[in-house]
Amino acid sequence: MLTGLFGLILKALTTIIFINRYVAGIAVRLWRGSKWDETTDDYQPTVAVVIPMFNEGAGIAETIASLLGQDYPADKLTITVVDDRSTDNSYEMACAAAAKSGGRVHVMRNPVNMGKRRSINRAVRAATHAEIIVSVDSDVVVHYAAVRQLIRRFVSPDIAAVGGKVDVRNKNANWLSKMQVVKYWYSYGFMKNLEWAFRRVMCLSGCLTAYRRSVLLELEPVLEHREILGVPIKYGEDRFLTRQIVKAGYYTTMTLDAVCETNVPTSLSGYFSQQLRWRRSNVIDYAGALSHVWRLNPIVAIHFFSLFGLLMLYPIMMIGTITSGRFFPVLIVHLVFAAVFGIWYRWKTRHLPEAERVNAFSFLPIAVVLPVIYALMTPVAAFTLDSSSWETRGHDGEAPPPEDGLPVPIQVEQDAIAQVSRPEPATARAQLPAA
């Protein structure tokens, strides 16, 4: 009886989410036409790219090189790398890259391990010359026009953040990376359409997102001290920040024209570690949003609450199907949907070079992986919300423990490139074109 009720609720939630993402979202996109992704070329602010880094090694040099080559005025774009007390040679590699940048790259090093968000906060406070902060993860390569395309979407004073598209770099590494190629394609091409339509995108990836510096400073007291049961947490910074921006009354949007590429996990242990971190972020942020999301656009609120309900009820349903011996019929349904989604992906990407796409069958493993993630990862995440690790790219537990009581004074290491002194600009809002 109880399992049947959960099944009915789950089907209702799944239907709502499917309609919102793949029917309503697409319909609104077609209806708005050219107004869907509005741009302006009349706004060219000063930009500081901030790269929080922890144990990235030689890869940081490639990230920096991709940013130095951006299609944006060099005199208006600087790059700050914040090393969060890496235990490898990341700091030295960043300094070496900075030394060849002609003063455009600055390297800061935290006195203690502080986590991604507090590392970014340090750089934001120091970037007094910048109107826009572009957050970039230390393991990505940013496409040539990405920064310019992000800036072009600040068409209104109320738009506080613009996210880019994240693509998979190691597409053909193995079956797991190929599966994630299709997943990422749907995540950016369809799943955010409804939120995008109302400029209420609830999660903008730290891989590549531009923010108004004034808004980050406004929200700093909320962002600086984040904890669960007295334990500082470092996961889910991107989702938490985006929600705080929306909660403060600002708009968030995105564009598929600003692209970066990242290497996805190629082992199940790495993938499940990533998914556990993301599940913790989902659980805590959905719960935290219950008090205010209902005040947003009602359609966005219904979609948001449906996602939360699915997240929490799906594990119960999956455990019930396994214990009752009905897992295989459910698996067949998942396989059918995965095949349909895979075929549609393959058709829509048929024009891409072979190296830039994967085959239609690459998405089939999601039929097994997704139930495992929901059935196992969500309950584990719910009972380990007080984790304080970076938990990414195999760096768990390598950093020294954080110290409470910061902020730390802003200072640049002596062997790093010195900050470039620039005059404080007028506020970003004063220089914006009319909406």
Foldseek 3Di string as FASTA:
>chain_A
DVLVVLVVLLVVLVVLLCCLFPPVLVVLCVVCDPVLQAFDPQDAWQEEEEEEDAQPPLLLLQQVVLVLLAPHPLVRYAYEYEYQPHPDCVQVNQQVSCVPSVLRYWYFYDPARQADLLSVVLVLVVPLRGFKYKFAYSFKRWHRHQVVSQRGRPQAPQAFKEAEQEAADPCVPDLVSVQVRLVSCCVPVTSQSNCQSQLLRQFGDSNTMMGGSVVCVVCVVVLRADADPPFGAHFLSRNVVSNVSVQVPGGYHYDHVTYMYGHQDPDPVQNLLVLLSVLLNLQVNLVVCPVPLCVPDVSVSSNSVSVNSSLPSLLVNLVVCVVVVNNVVQLVVLQVVLLVSLVVVCVVCVPPPPVRHDHSCSNNVCSVVVSCSSNPSNVVSVVPSRDHFPSHPPCGPVGDDDDPPDDDDRDHDPSHRDHDDDDRDDHSNVSHDHD
